[in-house]
Amino acid sequence: MKISLFGNVYQTKKNKYVYAVLETLCRLGIEVSVEKRFAAFIHSGLGIDLCRVNICEGCAPDADMVISMGGDGTFLTTASGVGPLEIPILGINTGRLGFLADVSPGDIETALAAVVRGDYVVEPRTLISVTKDGEPMAGYPYALNEVAVLKHDNSSLIAIETHVDGFHLNTYMADGLVVSTPTGSTGYSLSVGGPVIVPGSDIFCISPVASHSLNTRPVVIRDNAEITLRVRSRSHNFLISIDGRSESFADTTTLRLTRAPYKVGVVKVMHKNCFDTLREKMLWGIDSRG
């Protein structure tokens, strides 16, 4: 079995977890490759010997699985690094909340042993594809969590003319608009009032950010629809954020959002399901009254 390792290059205090993963993988007889930037951090920042692993530019194309070490932000970065290779990703959570990266540091050995036994499932997760004026966005034009259209910090609210399959849905007067996948429904979308969506649901959710109208509510649509966005702004520009990767565009830009042609496989071990994760991470059922 071959596994590629990606990780957060800022968390020096988590070095014992990186060491534990590498030691466990080598002990289990796994052929390990480490993403180049993470490898440099491990060697120079953490002082860990990498003589037993391969160093790769990005993801090894013949890997059977990828491990992402960090929080959900690191998982999203890892997904962009894996791209359309469709290699499943296991997230080890050394960050904070962790809906995608849901293996805790204390479960590293148990989880990796389960991977070797084949005792895991792979959940396919839909992505959003973004085109700008009919052309693919530069870089990685896909979002596993969400695409957000936002005003610049120093500008007034923006008008976001929104069409679904050519039909006018609404012109949102707001600070922005979030289009979320089911995976991203517990992220930015949730913070602006969007619903929690069960992974595997074939839908997207459109939610305004600080809408100027109290009547505006999130809208759920099927994920094979085409969403067209046109922005009007007094500053004549706006921001687009694709899983946190932000770029500024002129308000003459037309954006089209569709379902991506491939999915990201999220590895789940120890038979955790989305409801277990929701109860654990969101403290549902916990009496906090003291």
Protein backbone atom coordinates (compact mmCIF):
# COMPACT_ATOMS: atom_id res chain seq x y z
CA MET A 1 0.00 0.00 0.00
CA LYS A 2 1.20 3.51 -0.86
CA ILE A 3 0.19 6.62 1.10
CA SER A 4 0.97 10.30 0.45
CA LEU A 5 1.23 12.68 3.41
CA PHE A 6 0.17 16.35 3.36
CA GLY A 7 0.03 18.67 6.34
CA ASN A 8 -0.12 22.04 8.02
CA VAL A 9 3.28 23.75 7.94
CA TYR A 10 2.55 26.16 10.80
CA GLN A 11 1.83 23.88 13.74
CA THR A 12 5.23 23.18 15.28
CA LYS A 13 3.65 22.12 18.57
CA LYS A 14 2.00 19.17 16.80
CA ASN A 15 5.33 17.51 15.90
CA LYS A 16 4.69 14.46 18.08
CA TYR A 17 1.62 13.64 15.97
CA VAL A 18 3.57 13.85 12.70
CA TYR A 19 6.22 11.58 14.19
CA ALA A 20 3.54 9.13 15.39
CA VAL A 21 1.97 8.94 11.90
CA LEU A 22 5.31 8.34 10.15
CA GLU A 23 6.41 5.74 12.70
CA THR A 24 3.10 3.90 12.54
CA LEU A 25 3.00 3.87 8.73
CA CYS A 26 6.57 2.56 8.47
CA ARG A 27 5.91 -0.07 11.13
CA LEU A 28 2.84 -1.23 9.21
CA GLY A 29 4.93 -1.63 6.05
CA ILE A 30 3.34 1.26 4.16
CA GLU A 31 5.31 2.98 1.38
CA VAL A 32 5.16 6.66 2.32
CA SER A 33 5.64 9.79 0.23
CA VAL A 34 5.51 13.30 1.69
CA GLU A 35 4.47 16.44 -0.15
CA LYS A 36 7.57 18.57 -0.78
CA ARG A 37 6.62 21.67 1.22
CA PHE A 38 5.42 19.60 4.18
CA ALA A 39 8.57 17.49 4.00
CA ALA A 40 10.75 20.61 4.28
CA PHE A 41 8.77 21.72 7.32
CA ILE A 42 9.00 18.29 8.95
CA HIS A 43 12.76 18.11 8.43
CA SER A 44 13.82 21.67 9.26
CA GLY A 45 11.02 22.77 11.60
CA LEU A 46 10.44 19.56 13.52
CA GLY A 47 13.82 17.85 13.13
CA ILE A 48 12.29 14.56 11.95
CA ASP A 49 14.44 12.23 9.84
CA LEU A 50 12.82 11.48 6.47
CA CYS A 51 15.29 8.87 5.21
CA ARG A 52 12.55 6.21 5.04
CA VAL A 53 10.11 8.18 2.92
CA ASN A 54 9.92 9.60 -0.61
CA ILE A 55 9.60 13.33 -1.27
CA CYS A 56 7.05 14.29 -3.94
CA GLU A 57 5.99 17.46 -5.74
CA GLY A 58 2.32 17.34 -4.80
CA CYS A 59 0.55 14.02 -4.54
CA ALA A 60 2.14 10.77 -5.73
CA PRO A 61 -0.12 9.78 -8.67
CA ASP A 62 0.09 6.08 -7.77
CA ALA A 63 -0.86 6.56 -4.10
CA ASP A 64 -3.71 4.44 -2.74
CA MET A 65 -4.62 7.05 -0.15
CA VAL A 66 -3.66 10.53 1.04
CA ILE A 67 -3.41 11.58 4.68
CA SER A 68 -4.06 15.21 5.58
CA MET A 69 -2.67 16.38 8.93
CA GLY A 70 -4.18 19.58 10.31
CA GLY A 71 -7.70 20.96 10.46
CA ASP A 72 -10.40 21.24 7.84
CA GLY A 73 -8.51 24.09 6.15
CA THR A 74 -5.55 21.77 5.62
CA PHE A 75 -7.94 19.12 4.28
CA LEU A 76 -9.25 21.59 1.69
CA THR A 77 -5.69 22.45 0.65
CA THR A 78 -4.91 18.75 0.39
CA ALA A 79 -7.98 18.19 -1.79
CA SER A 80 -6.76 20.88 -4.19
CA GLY A 81 -3.32 19.22 -4.23
CA VAL A 82 -4.84 15.83 -5.08
CA GLY A 83 -7.06 17.43 -7.73
CA PRO A 84 -8.78 15.14 -10.24
CA LEU A 85 -6.66 12.09 -9.32
CA GLU A 86 -9.61 10.97 -7.17
CA ILE A 87 -7.34 9.43 -4.52
CA PRO A 88 -9.29 9.19 -1.23
CA ILE A 89 -8.20 11.42 1.66
CA LEU A 90 -8.04 10.59 5.37
CA GLY A 91 -8.02 13.62 7.68
CA ILE A 92 -6.14 13.53 10.99
CA ASN A 93 -7.31 16.45 13.09
CA THR A 94 -4.52 18.43 14.77
CA GLY A 95 -6.53 21.63 14.32
CA ARG A 96 -9.71 22.80 16.04
CA LEU A 97 -13.19 21.63 15.03
CA GLY A 98 -12.61 19.06 12.31
CA PHE A 99 -15.64 17.87 10.32
CA LEU A 100 -13.52 16.63 7.41
CA ALA A 101 -10.41 15.84 9.47
CA ASP A 102 -12.18 13.79 12.11
CA VAL A 103 -9.53 11.32 13.30
CA SER A 104 -8.28 12.61 16.66
CA PRO A 105 -4.54 12.38 17.52
CA GLY A 106 -5.33 9.78 20.17
CA ASP A 107 -6.80 7.47 17.51
CA ILE A 108 -3.88 7.63 15.05
CA GLU A 109 -2.64 4.06 15.55
CA THR A 110 -6.15 2.58 15.61
CA ALA A 111 -7.18 4.47 12.47
CA LEU A 112 -4.07 3.58 10.46
CA ALA A 113 -4.35 -0.08 11.46
CA ALA A 114 -7.95 0.00 10.21
CA VAL A 115 -6.76 1.48 6.91
CA VAL A 116 -4.27 -1.35 6.43
CA ARG A 117 -7.01 -3.92 7.16
CA GLY A 118 -9.31 -2.20 4.68
CA ASP A 119 -11.76 -1.42 7.49
CA TYR A 120 -12.94 1.95 6.20
CA VAL A 121 -15.40 3.52 3.81
CA VAL A 122 -14.90 6.25 1.20
CA GLU A 123 -17.61 8.89 0.98
CA PRO A 124 -17.74 10.67 -2.43
CA ARG A 125 -18.17 14.43 -1.97
CA THR A 126 -19.38 16.82 -4.68
CA LEU A 127 -17.37 19.91 -5.66
CA ILE A 128 -18.41 23.19 -7.28
CA SER A 129 -16.69 24.19 -10.53
CA VAL A 130 -16.22 27.92 -11.22
CA THR A 131 -15.79 29.61 -14.58
CA LYS A 132 -15.16 33.32 -15.18
CA ASP A 133 -16.55 34.88 -18.36
CA GLY A 134 -16.83 31.42 -19.89
CA GLU A 135 -13.26 30.36 -19.05
CA PRO A 136 -12.04 28.18 -16.16
CA MET A 137 -10.69 30.09 -13.19
CA ALA A 138 -6.90 30.24 -12.93
CA GLY A 139 -5.32 27.81 -10.51
CA TYR A 140 -7.64 25.23 -8.95
CA PRO A 141 -11.20 26.22 -9.94
CA TYR A 142 -13.05 23.79 -7.65
CA ALA A 143 -14.57 24.14 -4.18
CA LEU A 144 -15.21 21.24 -1.82
CA ASN A 145 -16.83 23.54 0.77
CA GLU A 146 -18.13 26.71 -0.83
CA VAL A 147 -17.80 29.55 -3.29
CA ALA A 148 -18.37 32.99 -1.76
CA VAL A 149 -18.85 36.28 -3.60
CA LEU A 150 -18.07 39.12 -1.20
CA LYS A 151 -17.71 42.87 -1.05
CA HIS A 152 -14.32 44.46 -0.39
CA ASP A 153 -13.85 45.57 3.22
CA ASN A 154 -13.99 49.27 2.34
CA SER A 155 -17.02 49.13 0.04
CA SER A 156 -20.75 49.32 0.65
CA LEU A 157 -23.02 46.33 0.08
CA ILE A 158 -23.09 44.76 -3.37
CA ALA A 159 -25.91 43.66 -5.68
CA ILE A 160 -25.57 40.03 -6.77
CA GLU A 161 -27.85 39.16 -9.69
CA THR A 162 -28.42 35.41 -9.41
CA HIS A 163 -29.84 33.09 -12.08
CA VAL A 164 -30.45 29.34 -11.83
CA ASP A 165 -30.56 27.53 -15.18
CA GLY A 166 -31.22 30.88 -16.84
CA PHE A 167 -34.14 31.81 -14.57
CA HIS A 168 -33.79 34.87 -12.37
CA LEU A 169 -33.77 33.78 -8.71
CA ASN A 170 -33.03 37.07 -6.95
CA THR A 171 -30.83 40.13 -6.95
CA TYR A 172 -29.32 40.01 -3.49
CA MET A 173 -28.45 43.31 -1.82
CA ALA A 174 -25.95 42.08 0.74
CA ASP A 175 -22.36 41.88 1.89
CA GLY A 176 -22.03 38.72 -0.16
CA LEU A 177 -23.42 35.36 -1.23
CA VAL A 178 -22.30 31.84 -0.30
CA VAL A 179 -22.95 28.84 -2.55
CA SER A 180 -22.27 25.72 -0.52
CA THR A 181 -21.95 21.99 -1.11
CA PRO A 182 -23.33 19.56 1.50
CA THR A 183 -19.75 19.17 2.76
CA GLY A 184 -19.45 22.94 3.23
CA SER A 185 -22.83 23.31 4.93
CA THR A 186 -21.17 23.14 8.37
CA GLY A 187 -18.67 25.88 7.44
CA TYR A 188 -19.19 29.45 6.22
CA SER A 189 -22.71 28.64 5.04
CA LEU A 190 -23.78 27.63 8.55
CA SER A 191 -22.42 30.86 10.01
CA VAL A 192 -24.68 32.95 7.73
CA GLY A 193 -27.82 30.96 8.53
CA GLY A 194 -27.63 28.11 6.01
CA PRO A 195 -28.93 24.63 6.90
CA VAL A 196 -26.86 21.59 7.83
CA ILE A 197 -26.99 19.28 4.79
CA VAL A 198 -26.26 15.56 5.01
CA PRO A 199 -23.23 14.57 2.86
CA GLY A 200 -24.26 12.75 -0.29
CA SER A 201 -27.33 14.93 -0.83
CA ASP A 202 -27.44 16.04 -4.47
CA ILE A 203 -28.01 19.70 -3.68
CA PHE A 204 -26.31 23.09 -3.31
CA CYS A 205 -27.37 25.85 -0.94
CA ILE A 206 -27.40 29.58 -1.79
CA SER A 207 -27.19 31.83 1.30
CA PRO A 208 -26.81 35.63 1.48
CA VAL A 209 -24.27 37.25 3.80
CA ALA A 210 -25.79 40.09 5.88
CA SER A 211 -28.69 40.63 3.50
CA HIS A 212 -30.24 44.11 3.32
CA SER A 213 -33.68 42.45 3.28
CA LEU A 214 -35.12 40.56 6.26
CA ASN A 215 -37.27 38.51 3.84
CA THR A 216 -34.26 36.86 2.17
CA ARG A 217 -33.59 33.26 3.18
CA PRO A 218 -31.26 30.45 2.03
CA VAL A 219 -32.39 28.53 -1.06
CA VAL A 220 -31.61 24.87 -1.73
CA ILE A 221 -31.33 23.72 -5.37
CA ARG A 222 -30.34 20.52 -7.15
CA ASP A 223 -26.60 20.25 -7.80
CA ASN A 224 -26.88 19.67 -11.56
CA ALA A 225 -28.18 23.22 -12.03
CA GLU A 226 -26.10 26.09 -13.44
CA ILE A 227 -25.82 29.14 -11.22
CA THR A 228 -24.91 32.45 -12.88
CA LEU A 229 -23.74 35.41 -10.79
CA ARG A 230 -23.24 39.02 -11.87
CA VAL A 231 -22.17 41.64 -9.36
CA ARG A 232 -22.77 45.38 -9.24
CA SER A 233 -20.61 47.35 -6.83
CA ARG A 234 -19.96 51.04 -6.15
CA SER A 235 -16.26 50.21 -5.96
CA HIS A 236 -16.57 48.39 -9.33
CA ASN A 237 -14.92 45.26 -7.95
CA PHE A 238 -15.63 42.32 -5.64
CA LEU A 239 -13.95 39.32 -4.06
CA ILE A 240 -14.50 35.69 -4.91
CA SER A 241 -13.40 33.07 -2.40
CA ILE A 242 -13.09 29.41 -3.44
CA ASP A 243 -12.59 27.37 -0.26
CA GLY A 244 -10.81 30.38 1.22
CA ARG A 245 -8.62 31.11 -1.83
CA SER A 246 -9.54 34.74 -2.57
CA GLU A 247 -9.15 36.89 -5.66
CA SER A 248 -10.48 40.30 -6.71
CA PHE A 249 -12.41 40.86 -9.95
CA ALA A 250 -14.03 43.74 -11.77
CA ASP A 251 -17.81 43.89 -11.50
CA THR A 252 -18.10 43.32 -15.25
CA THR A 253 -17.22 39.65 -14.55
CA THR A 254 -19.79 36.88 -15.03
CA LEU A 255 -19.37 33.78 -12.86
CA ARG A 256 -20.90 30.39 -13.58
CA LEU A 257 -21.04 27.68 -10.93
CA THR A 258 -21.76 24.06 -11.80
CA ARG A 259 -21.14 20.61 -10.37
CA ALA A 260 -17.53 19.54 -10.94
CA PRO A 261 -16.79 16.58 -13.23
CA TYR A 262 -15.28 14.51 -10.40
CA LYS A 263 -15.70 14.01 -6.64
CA VAL A 264 -13.38 13.96 -3.63
CA GLY A 265 -13.31 10.73 -1.64
CA VAL A 266 -13.34 11.30 2.13
CA VAL A 267 -12.08 8.32 4.13
CA LYS A 268 -14.05 7.37 7.24
CA VAL A 269 -12.65 4.85 9.70
CA MET A 270 -14.07 3.39 12.91
CA HIS A 271 -17.50 3.60 11.26
CA LYS A 272 -18.16 7.22 12.18
CA ASN A 273 -21.17 8.67 10.40
CA CYS A 274 -22.15 12.28 9.84
CA PHE A 275 -24.67 12.28 12.68
CA ASP A 276 -22.05 11.08 15.18
CA THR A 277 -19.74 13.86 13.99
CA LEU A 278 -22.48 16.51 14.21
CA ARG A 279 -23.41 15.56 17.76
CA GLU A 280 -19.75 15.49 18.82
CA LYS A 281 -18.56 18.69 17.12
CA MET A 282 -21.66 20.82 17.69
CA LEU A 283 -22.30 19.57 21.24
CA TRP A 284 -25.86 18.55 20.45
CA GLY A 285 -27.62 17.03 23.43
CA ILE A 286 -25.14 18.55 25.90
CA ASP A 287 -26.78 20.43 28.79
CA SER A 288 -24.60 23.55 29.17
CA ARG A 289 -26.68 25.13 31.92
CA GLY A 290 -24.31 23.79 34.60
